Structures are given as C-alpha cells and as structure tokens.
Amino acid sequence: MNARLQLLLGTLTLALAIPGFGTLSGTALEGEISAQMNAGAGSDVTRQVHCVRKNAAGEGVRYACALHGLVAPPLHVRVDVNGRDWRAYWPPVQG
C-alpha cells in the first residue's frame, strides 16, 4: 500500500472516531426538515426553517427549530440528532 493511501485511510479512521463527525449540522437539518415539509401534495407550506443548537457536544445533539409557514405563525419544534438520523418532537395541536 502506498503512503498516500495509508495516510488517507488513517485520516478517515481518525475522523470517524471523533465524536460529532458525520452529525448533521444545523444548516443541513434545516434543509432536511424543509424538504420533508414541502414534499407532500400541498407543497411549499414551509417557507423558512431556522435551527439553533441547544446542547454541548455529546452522544446526541439537540436543536430548537422554528418553522415559518406561508400563512400560519411560526411552529416551534425540538429535534434530536444522532449521527445522520433526526427525530422531531412536535408540540401538541391547540384547538
């Protein structure tokens, strides 16, 4: 194996061992939530998504996100991210 390939494999192995590597960033999460919300038959229901990280580095990452719709007031949601997977915890519907 040549030196460049060994260096590349070593760097990749080290990067995968670093906590938080490969975890969705706030910007990537915003894009994924927006794409999911606007993918249905009634497309373009969410005009903007803004997420702010709410915890320090650890096993999981927690974000607070605000979804701004076309006509409704902003919807606030808590999102837990683990690697490339995420799960949203929606507030109860009022009314």
N, C-alpha and C. Protein backbone atom coordinates (compact mmCIF):
# COMPACT_ATOMS: atom_id res chain seq x y z
N MET A 1 0.85 -1.18 0.00
CA MET A 1 0.00 0.00 0.00
C MET A 1 0.90 1.24 0.00
N ASN A 2 0.58 2.18 -0.86
CA ASN A 2 1.45 3.35 -0.90
C ASN A 2 1.16 4.31 0.26
N ALA A 3 2.06 5.24 0.45
CA ALA A 3 1.99 6.15 1.59
C ALA A 3 0.75 7.04 1.56
N ARG A 4 0.35 7.49 0.38
CA ARG A 4 -0.83 8.36 0.29
C ARG A 4 -2.10 7.63 0.71
N LEU A 5 -2.25 6.39 0.28
CA LEU A 5 -3.42 5.61 0.64
C LEU A 5 -3.44 5.32 2.14
N GLN A 6 -2.28 5.01 2.71
CA GLN A 6 -2.21 4.78 4.15
C GLN A 6 -2.58 6.04 4.93
N LEU A 7 -2.11 7.18 4.47
CA LEU A 7 -2.44 8.45 5.12
C LEU A 7 -3.93 8.74 5.03
N LEU A 8 -4.51 8.50 3.85
CA LEU A 8 -5.95 8.73 3.66
C LEU A 8 -6.77 7.82 4.57
N LEU A 9 -6.43 6.55 4.62
CA LEU A 9 -7.18 5.61 5.47
C LEU A 9 -7.01 5.94 6.95
N GLY A 10 -5.81 6.34 7.34
CA GLY A 10 -5.58 6.73 8.73
C GLY A 10 -6.39 7.95 9.12
N THR A 11 -6.42 8.93 8.23
CA THR A 11 -7.18 10.16 8.49
C THR A 11 -8.68 9.86 8.58
N LEU A 12 -9.18 9.03 7.67
CA LEU A 12 -10.60 8.67 7.70
C LEU A 12 -10.96 7.92 8.97
N THR A 13 -10.11 6.99 9.38
CA THR A 13 -10.36 6.23 10.61
C THR A 13 -10.38 7.15 11.82
N LEU A 14 -9.45 8.08 11.88
CA LEU A 14 -9.41 9.03 12.99
C LEU A 14 -10.63 9.93 12.99
N ALA A 15 -11.02 10.41 11.81
CA ALA A 15 -12.18 11.30 11.72
C ALA A 15 -13.45 10.60 12.18
N LEU A 16 -13.61 9.33 11.85
CA LEU A 16 -14.81 8.60 12.27
C LEU A 16 -14.83 8.35 13.77
N ALA A 17 -13.67 8.36 14.40
CA ALA A 17 -13.60 8.14 15.85
C ALA A 17 -13.88 9.41 16.64
N ILE A 18 -13.83 10.56 15.99
CA ILE A 18 -14.07 11.83 16.67
C ILE A 18 -15.56 12.00 16.92
N PRO A 19 -15.98 12.28 18.18
CA PRO A 19 -17.40 12.49 18.44
C PRO A 19 -17.94 13.66 17.63
N GLY A 20 -19.11 13.48 17.07
CA GLY A 20 -19.75 14.55 16.31
C GLY A 20 -19.43 14.51 14.84
N PHE A 21 -18.45 13.72 14.42
CA PHE A 21 -18.13 13.65 13.00
C PHE A 21 -19.25 12.93 12.28
N GLY A 22 -19.72 13.48 11.21
CA GLY A 22 -20.80 12.85 10.48
C GLY A 22 -22.17 13.20 11.01
N THR A 23 -22.25 14.10 11.98
CA THR A 23 -23.53 14.52 12.53
C THR A 23 -24.07 15.66 11.68
N LEU A 24 -25.37 15.66 11.48
CA LEU A 24 -26.00 16.74 10.71
C LEU A 24 -25.72 18.08 11.36
N SER A 25 -25.36 19.06 10.58
CA SER A 25 -25.19 20.42 11.07
C SER A 25 -26.57 21.07 11.13
N GLY A 26 -26.64 22.22 11.77
CA GLY A 26 -27.91 22.95 11.83
C GLY A 26 -28.43 23.30 10.45
N THR A 27 -27.54 23.71 9.56
CA THR A 27 -27.93 24.08 8.20
C THR A 27 -28.46 22.87 7.44
N ALA A 28 -27.77 21.72 7.57
CA ALA A 28 -28.23 20.50 6.89
C ALA A 28 -29.58 20.05 7.45
N LEU A 29 -29.75 20.18 8.77
CA LEU A 29 -31.02 19.81 9.39
C LEU A 29 -32.15 20.70 8.89
N GLU A 30 -31.89 21.99 8.80
CA GLU A 30 -32.89 22.92 8.27
C GLU A 30 -33.34 22.51 6.87
N GLY A 31 -32.37 22.14 6.04
CA GLY A 31 -32.69 21.70 4.68
C GLY A 31 -33.51 20.43 4.65
N GLU A 32 -33.17 19.47 5.52
CA GLU A 32 -33.92 18.21 5.55
C GLU A 32 -35.35 18.41 6.04
N ILE A 33 -35.53 19.23 7.07
CA ILE A 33 -36.88 19.50 7.58
C ILE A 33 -37.70 20.23 6.52
N SER A 34 -37.11 21.22 5.89
CA SER A 34 -37.81 21.98 4.85
C SER A 34 -38.21 21.07 3.69
N ALA A 35 -37.30 20.21 3.26
CA ALA A 35 -37.60 19.29 2.15
C ALA A 35 -38.74 18.34 2.53
N GLN A 36 -38.74 17.84 3.77
CA GLN A 36 -39.80 16.93 4.20
C GLN A 36 -41.14 17.65 4.29
N MET A 37 -41.14 18.86 4.82
CA MET A 37 -42.39 19.59 4.99
C MET A 37 -42.98 20.02 3.65
N ASN A 38 -42.14 20.24 2.65
CA ASN A 38 -42.61 20.71 1.35
C ASN A 38 -42.71 19.60 0.31
N ALA A 39 -42.63 18.34 0.73
CA ALA A 39 -42.61 17.23 -0.23
C ALA A 39 -44.00 16.69 -0.56
N GLY A 40 -45.00 17.04 0.21
CA GLY A 40 -46.33 16.47 0.00
C GLY A 40 -47.12 17.13 -1.10
N ALA A 41 -48.38 16.72 -1.17
CA ALA A 41 -49.29 17.25 -2.21
C ALA A 41 -49.48 18.76 -2.07
N GLY A 42 -49.52 19.25 -0.85
CA GLY A 42 -49.67 20.70 -0.63
C GLY A 42 -48.31 21.34 -0.48
N SER A 43 -47.47 21.20 -1.47
CA SER A 43 -46.08 21.68 -1.42
C SER A 43 -45.99 23.15 -1.05
N ASP A 44 -44.80 23.53 -0.63
CA ASP A 44 -44.50 24.91 -0.26
C ASP A 44 -45.35 25.42 0.90
N VAL A 45 -45.46 24.60 1.94
CA VAL A 45 -46.18 25.04 3.14
C VAL A 45 -45.22 25.69 4.13
N THR A 46 -43.93 25.38 4.03
CA THR A 46 -42.93 25.95 4.93
C THR A 46 -41.98 26.80 4.11
N ARG A 47 -41.92 28.08 4.44
CA ARG A 47 -41.06 28.96 3.64
C ARG A 47 -39.67 29.07 4.22
N GLN A 48 -39.51 28.88 5.54
CA GLN A 48 -38.19 29.00 6.15
C GLN A 48 -38.12 28.14 7.40
N VAL A 49 -36.96 27.52 7.62
CA VAL A 49 -36.69 26.75 8.84
C VAL A 49 -35.40 27.29 9.43
N HIS A 50 -35.42 27.55 10.73
CA HIS A 50 -34.23 28.06 11.41
C HIS A 50 -33.99 27.21 12.66
N CYS A 51 -32.79 26.60 12.77
CA CYS A 51 -32.47 25.74 13.91
C CYS A 51 -31.28 26.29 14.68
N VAL A 52 -31.37 26.20 16.01
CA VAL A 52 -30.30 26.64 16.91
C VAL A 52 -29.94 25.47 17.81
N ARG A 53 -28.66 25.17 17.92
CA ARG A 53 -28.20 24.07 18.77
C ARG A 53 -28.42 24.43 20.23
N LYS A 54 -28.96 23.48 21.00
CA LYS A 54 -29.32 23.75 22.38
C LYS A 54 -28.48 23.00 23.41
N ASN A 55 -27.54 22.14 23.00
CA ASN A 55 -26.73 21.44 23.98
C ASN A 55 -25.28 21.37 23.53
N ALA A 56 -24.41 21.02 24.46
CA ALA A 56 -22.99 20.88 24.15
C ALA A 56 -22.75 19.55 23.45
N ALA A 57 -21.55 19.36 22.98
CA ALA A 57 -21.21 18.12 22.28
C ALA A 57 -21.44 16.92 23.21
N GLY A 58 -21.90 15.86 22.64
CA GLY A 58 -22.15 14.64 23.39
C GLY A 58 -22.61 13.57 22.43
N GLU A 59 -23.26 12.56 22.97
CA GLU A 59 -23.72 11.46 22.12
C GLU A 59 -24.78 11.92 21.14
N GLY A 60 -25.71 12.68 21.60
CA GLY A 60 -26.77 13.20 20.74
C GLY A 60 -26.72 14.71 20.73
N VAL A 61 -27.28 15.30 19.71
CA VAL A 61 -27.31 16.76 19.60
C VAL A 61 -28.76 17.18 19.57
N ARG A 62 -29.08 18.24 20.30
CA ARG A 62 -30.46 18.74 20.35
C ARG A 62 -30.52 20.14 19.75
N TYR A 63 -31.52 20.34 18.90
CA TYR A 63 -31.75 21.64 18.28
C TYR A 63 -33.15 22.13 18.63
N ALA A 64 -33.32 23.43 18.67
CA ALA A 64 -34.64 24.06 18.74
C ALA A 64 -34.84 24.70 17.38
N CYS A 65 -35.91 24.31 16.69
CA CYS A 65 -36.15 24.80 15.35
C CYS A 65 -37.47 25.56 15.28
N ALA A 66 -37.50 26.57 14.46
CA ALA A 66 -38.72 27.33 14.19
C ALA A 66 -39.03 27.19 12.71
N LEU A 67 -40.25 26.74 12.42
CA LEU A 67 -40.70 26.60 11.04
C LEU A 67 -41.64 27.75 10.74
N HIS A 68 -41.31 28.52 9.73
CA HIS A 68 -42.12 29.67 9.34
C HIS A 68 -42.92 29.28 8.10
N GLY A 69 -44.24 29.23 8.27
CA GLY A 69 -45.12 28.86 7.17
C GLY A 69 -45.49 30.04 6.30
N LEU A 70 -46.24 29.75 5.28
CA LEU A 70 -46.68 30.81 4.37
C LEU A 70 -47.77 31.67 4.99
N VAL A 71 -48.64 31.07 5.80
CA VAL A 71 -49.74 31.85 6.37
C VAL A 71 -49.85 31.72 7.88
N ALA A 72 -49.38 30.63 8.46
CA ALA A 72 -49.53 30.39 9.90
C ALA A 72 -48.37 31.02 10.68
N PRO A 73 -48.57 31.24 11.98
CA PRO A 73 -47.46 31.73 12.81
C PRO A 73 -46.38 30.64 12.91
N PRO A 74 -45.17 31.00 13.34
CA PRO A 74 -44.08 30.01 13.42
C PRO A 74 -44.45 28.84 14.33
N LEU A 75 -43.99 27.66 13.95
CA LEU A 75 -44.18 26.44 14.73
C LEU A 75 -42.82 26.08 15.31
N HIS A 76 -42.76 25.89 16.63
CA HIS A 76 -41.50 25.57 17.30
C HIS A 76 -41.46 24.08 17.59
N VAL A 77 -40.31 23.46 17.30
CA VAL A 77 -40.16 22.02 17.44
C VAL A 77 -38.77 21.72 18.00
N ARG A 78 -38.71 20.67 18.83
CA ARG A 78 -37.42 20.19 19.34
C ARG A 78 -36.98 19.04 18.46
N VAL A 79 -35.71 19.04 18.06
CA VAL A 79 -35.19 17.99 17.18
C VAL A 79 -33.93 17.40 17.80
N ASP A 80 -33.94 16.08 17.97
CA ASP A 80 -32.76 15.36 18.44
C ASP A 80 -32.06 14.74 17.23
N VAL A 81 -30.75 14.91 17.17
CA VAL A 81 -29.96 14.38 16.05
C VAL A 81 -28.96 13.38 16.61
N ASN A 82 -28.89 12.22 15.99
CA ASN A 82 -27.91 11.21 16.35
C ASN A 82 -27.26 10.75 15.05
N GLY A 83 -26.06 11.22 14.80
CA GLY A 83 -25.40 10.92 13.54
C GLY A 83 -26.11 11.63 12.40
N ARG A 84 -26.58 10.87 11.42
CA ARG A 84 -27.30 11.44 10.28
C ARG A 84 -28.82 11.29 10.45
N ASP A 85 -29.25 10.69 11.56
CA ASP A 85 -30.68 10.49 11.82
C ASP A 85 -31.19 11.61 12.72
N TRP A 86 -32.46 11.99 12.52
CA TRP A 86 -33.05 13.01 13.37
C TRP A 86 -34.50 12.65 13.67
N ARG A 87 -34.97 13.16 14.80
CA ARG A 87 -36.35 12.92 15.22
C ARG A 87 -36.92 14.22 15.78
N ALA A 88 -38.07 14.61 15.27
CA ALA A 88 -38.71 15.85 15.71
C ALA A 88 -39.75 15.55 16.77
N TYR A 89 -39.84 16.41 17.76
CA TYR A 89 -40.85 16.32 18.82
C TYR A 89 -41.73 17.55 18.68
N TRP A 90 -42.91 17.34 18.09
CA TRP A 90 -43.83 18.43 17.77
C TRP A 90 -44.68 18.77 18.98
N PRO A 91 -45.01 20.05 19.14
CA PRO A 91 -45.89 20.44 20.24
C PRO A 91 -47.31 19.94 19.96
N PRO A 92 -48.10 19.76 21.02
CA PRO A 92 -49.49 19.34 20.81
C PRO A 92 -50.28 20.40 20.02
N VAL A 93 -51.20 19.95 19.21
CA VAL A 93 -52.03 20.86 18.43
C VAL A 93 -53.06 21.50 19.35
N GLN A 94 -53.18 22.81 19.28
CA GLN A 94 -54.13 23.54 20.12
C GLN A 94 -55.44 23.74 19.36
N GLY A 95 -56.54 23.64 20.08
CA GLY A 95 -57.83 23.96 19.48
C GLY A 95 -58.54 22.79 19.03
